[in-house]
């Protein structure tokens, strides 16, 4: 039996993640927590095999919580599932002990694949942190793309519209359009489809 804990302050997101976990195995038992205090209370009462963790938690930031987990529960793998998916945030989470990182913009299939990878003991690195095979640099480093633009590109690469990207990141559509234009110039492509293809070609397998 696999026991998993989902820590996310949004009820709908938490429930969707718990439903996805049920697809891993028929014997999966899931519990949810809205914040760090609830998560720690559950961890003190029983053993868990896996945690799914959001970074934007009320009270205590998820990255800070990763330090607590590593100190108190070093054998508990924590897969970060976050809307903040720029390379700096991803790298910071990994440095603080995350077992993997999956953007909330990913598909259910991608999440399941990441979960299976983490459960085998293998770290699931975000695609933005892998080196560009043609030059030894990340996509952001190779093309000079800012963290804010990488957030937009991450959602764009999943086929999100400007309005959807704006809603997800809390930006105006005008700001998103500016970011998209800058991304196209940086990548030296002429449209969103070409940018999506370029970004997705650089997504390695977990």
Protein backbone atom coordinates (compact mmCIF):
# COMPACT_ATOMS: atom_id res chain seq x y z
CA UNK A 1 0.00 0.00 0.00
CA UNK A 2 1.26 3.46 -0.97
CA UNK A 3 0.44 6.33 1.39
CA UNK A 4 0.68 9.80 -0.12
CA UNK A 5 0.20 13.30 1.28
CA UNK A 6 -0.84 16.23 -0.92
CA UNK A 7 -0.05 19.70 0.44
CA UNK A 8 -1.83 22.49 -1.43
CA UNK A 9 -4.03 25.28 -0.12
CA UNK A 10 -6.41 25.16 -3.11
CA UNK A 11 -9.11 22.56 -2.50
CA UNK A 12 -9.80 21.82 -6.16
CA UNK A 13 -6.12 21.39 -7.03
CA UNK A 14 -5.59 19.21 -3.98
CA UNK A 15 -8.50 16.96 -4.94
CA UNK A 16 -7.33 16.64 -8.55
CA UNK A 17 -3.84 15.66 -7.40
CA UNK A 18 -5.27 13.09 -5.01
CA UNK A 19 -7.40 11.63 -7.80
CA UNK A 20 -4.33 11.43 -10.03
CA UNK A 21 -2.41 9.59 -7.32
CA UNK A 22 -5.16 6.99 -7.22
CA UNK A 23 -4.19 6.03 -10.76
CA UNK A 24 -0.74 4.90 -9.63
CA UNK A 25 -2.06 1.84 -7.85
CA UNK A 26 -5.37 0.50 -6.61
CA UNK A 27 -4.01 0.45 -3.05
CA UNK A 28 -2.97 4.12 -2.88
CA UNK A 29 -4.18 5.95 0.23
CA UNK A 30 -4.16 9.76 -0.07
CA UNK A 31 -4.61 12.51 2.47
CA UNK A 32 -4.55 16.24 1.94
CA UNK A 33 -3.27 19.24 3.88
CA UNK A 34 -3.96 22.93 3.28
CA UNK A 35 -0.79 24.25 4.89
CA UNK A 36 2.46 23.32 6.60
CA UNK A 37 0.92 22.97 10.06
CA UNK A 38 -1.67 20.47 8.84
CA UNK A 39 1.00 18.56 6.91
CA UNK A 40 3.29 18.30 9.93
CA UNK A 41 0.40 17.15 12.14
CA UNK A 42 -0.35 14.32 9.69
CA UNK A 43 3.32 13.38 9.36
CA UNK A 44 3.66 13.13 13.14
CA UNK A 45 0.75 10.68 13.30
CA UNK A 46 1.64 8.24 10.54
CA UNK A 47 4.19 7.26 7.92
CA UNK A 48 3.90 8.46 4.33
CA UNK A 49 5.71 7.16 1.26
CA UNK A 50 5.35 10.24 -0.93
CA UNK A 51 4.44 13.92 -0.74
CA UNK A 52 3.16 16.27 -3.44
CA UNK A 53 3.98 19.83 -2.41
CA UNK A 54 2.92 23.25 -3.66
CA UNK A 55 5.35 26.12 -3.09
CA UNK A 56 2.85 28.96 -2.65
CA UNK A 57 1.53 27.96 0.77
CA UNK A 58 0.02 30.31 3.35
CA UNK A 59 2.28 31.13 6.28
CA UNK A 60 5.40 29.15 5.41
CA UNK A 61 6.84 29.02 1.89
CA UNK A 62 7.07 25.55 0.40
CA UNK A 63 10.82 25.88 -0.23
CA UNK A 64 11.37 26.59 3.48
CA UNK A 65 9.19 23.59 4.30
CA UNK A 66 11.47 21.40 2.18
CA UNK A 67 14.29 22.15 4.64
CA UNK A 68 12.07 21.00 7.52
CA UNK A 69 11.18 17.81 5.66
CA UNK A 70 14.80 16.99 4.96
CA UNK A 71 15.67 17.49 8.62
CA UNK A 72 12.73 15.59 10.14
CA UNK A 73 11.75 13.13 7.41
CA UNK A 74 14.82 12.59 5.21
CA UNK A 75 13.40 9.43 3.63
CA UNK A 76 10.17 11.06 2.45
CA UNK A 77 10.40 12.03 -1.25
CA UNK A 78 8.65 15.33 -1.98
CA UNK A 79 7.60 16.06 -5.55
CA UNK A 80 6.96 19.77 -6.03
CA UNK A 81 3.92 20.61 -8.16
CA UNK A 82 3.86 24.36 -8.66
CA UNK A 83 2.59 27.14 -10.91
CA UNK A 84 5.95 28.85 -10.34
CA UNK A 85 7.96 26.98 -12.94
CA UNK A 86 10.76 29.35 -13.90
CA UNK A 87 14.29 27.87 -13.80
CA UNK A 88 15.34 29.87 -10.72
CA UNK A 89 12.42 28.59 -8.65
CA UNK A 90 12.92 25.05 -9.90
CA UNK A 91 16.63 25.07 -9.14
CA UNK A 92 16.00 26.49 -5.67
CA UNK A 93 13.47 23.77 -4.88
CA UNK A 94 15.86 21.07 -6.05
CA UNK A 95 18.70 22.54 -3.98
CA UNK A 96 16.47 22.41 -0.90
CA UNK A 97 15.82 18.72 -1.33
CA UNK A 98 12.85 18.23 -3.65
CA UNK A 99 12.76 14.77 -5.23
CA UNK A 100 11.42 16.29 -8.43
CA UNK A 101 9.54 19.23 -9.90
CA UNK A 102 6.45 19.26 -12.10
CA UNK A 103 4.77 22.46 -13.35
CA UNK A 104 1.03 22.68 -12.67
CA UNK A 105 0.61 23.31 -16.38
CA UNK A 106 1.69 19.72 -17.13
CA UNK A 107 -0.69 17.01 -18.27
CA UNK A 108 -2.00 14.21 -16.06
CA UNK A 109 0.18 11.76 -17.99
CA UNK A 110 3.31 13.84 -17.34
CA UNK A 111 2.49 14.02 -13.65
CA UNK A 112 1.95 10.27 -13.42
CA UNK A 113 5.25 9.67 -15.19
CA UNK A 114 7.05 11.97 -12.76
CA UNK A 115 5.41 10.24 -9.80
CA UNK A 116 6.50 6.82 -11.03
CA UNK A 117 10.02 8.13 -11.58
CA UNK A 118 10.27 9.57 -8.07
CA UNK A 119 8.87 6.39 -6.52
CA UNK A 120 11.74 4.40 -8.05
CA UNK A 121 14.18 6.63 -6.21
CA UNK A 122 15.23 8.60 -9.28
CA UNK A 123 15.22 12.41 -9.14
CA UNK A 124 12.89 13.89 -11.76
CA UNK A 125 14.62 17.03 -12.99
CA UNK A 126 12.59 19.81 -14.62
CA UNK A 127 13.30 20.09 -18.34
CA UNK A 128 14.45 23.69 -17.95
CA UNK A 129 17.29 22.57 -15.68
CA UNK A 130 18.73 20.09 -18.15
CA UNK A 131 21.57 21.25 -20.33
CA UNK A 132 20.94 22.15 -23.93
CA UNK A 133 22.48 19.28 -25.87
CA UNK A 134 23.72 21.61 -28.60
CA UNK A 135 25.60 23.99 -26.37
CA UNK A 136 25.77 22.78 -22.79
CA UNK A 137 23.43 25.50 -21.50
CA UNK A 138 19.85 25.66 -20.37
CA UNK A 139 17.27 27.16 -22.68
CA UNK A 140 17.20 30.34 -20.57
CA UNK A 141 20.98 30.68 -20.63
CA UNK A 142 21.34 29.91 -24.31
CA UNK A 143 18.76 32.44 -25.47
CA UNK A 144 18.95 35.01 -22.69
CA UNK A 145 15.36 34.44 -21.55
CA UNK A 146 14.41 36.00 -18.21
CA UNK A 147 12.74 34.05 -15.38
CA UNK A 148 9.46 35.87 -16.05
CA UNK A 149 9.62 34.98 -19.72
CA UNK A 150 10.42 31.34 -18.84
CA UNK A 151 7.21 31.19 -16.79
CA UNK A 152 5.28 32.36 -19.83
CA UNK A 153 7.16 30.00 -22.16
CA UNK A 154 6.46 27.06 -19.87
CA UNK A 155 2.72 27.65 -20.19
CA UNK A 156 2.96 28.54 -23.87
CA UNK A 157 4.72 25.24 -24.53
CA UNK A 158 1.63 23.48 -23.15
CA UNK A 159 -0.61 25.29 -25.64
CA UNK A 160 -2.04 27.86 -23.23
CA UNK A 161 -3.58 31.04 -24.69
CA UNK A 162 -2.52 34.52 -23.63
CA UNK A 163 -5.64 34.79 -21.48
CA UNK A 164 -4.97 31.46 -19.78
CA UNK A 165 -1.34 32.41 -19.16
CA UNK A 166 -2.41 35.78 -17.75
CA UNK A 167 -4.91 34.13 -15.37
CA UNK A 168 -2.39 31.50 -14.26
CA UNK A 169 0.41 33.99 -13.56
CA UNK A 170 -1.70 36.90 -12.33
CA UNK A 171 -0.65 39.16 -15.20
CA UNK A 172 -2.55 41.32 -17.68
CA UNK A 173 -2.99 39.98 -21.20
CA UNK A 174 -1.00 42.99 -22.43
CA UNK A 175 1.96 41.99 -20.27
CA UNK A 176 1.74 38.43 -21.53
CA UNK A 177 1.74 39.65 -25.14
CA UNK A 178 4.88 41.66 -24.42
CA UNK A 179 6.55 38.58 -22.90
CA UNK A 180 5.52 36.39 -25.85
CA UNK A 181 6.93 38.91 -28.34
CA UNK A 182 10.20 39.04 -26.41
CA UNK A 183 10.35 35.23 -26.31
CA UNK A 184 9.83 34.96 -30.07
CA UNK A 185 12.63 37.47 -30.66
CA UNK A 186 14.97 35.67 -28.23
CA UNK A 187 14.31 32.27 -29.80
CA UNK A 188 14.54 33.76 -33.30
CA UNK A 189 11.21 32.27 -34.36
CA UNK A 190 8.26 33.96 -36.03
CA UNK A 191 5.24 32.46 -34.25
CA UNK A 192 3.99 30.65 -31.13
CA UNK A 193 3.91 27.25 -32.81
CA UNK A 194 7.62 27.43 -33.62
CA UNK A 195 8.38 28.53 -30.04
CA UNK A 196 6.35 25.59 -28.71
CA UNK A 197 8.21 23.14 -30.93
CA UNK A 198 11.58 24.52 -29.88
CA UNK A 199 10.71 24.43 -26.18
CA UNK A 200 9.20 20.96 -26.31
CA UNK A 201 12.18 19.54 -28.22
CA UNK A 202 14.30 20.47 -25.21
CA UNK A 203 12.11 18.65 -22.68
CA UNK A 204 14.02 15.52 -21.67
CA UNK A 205 12.40 12.46 -20.19
CA UNK A 206 12.28 12.36 -16.39
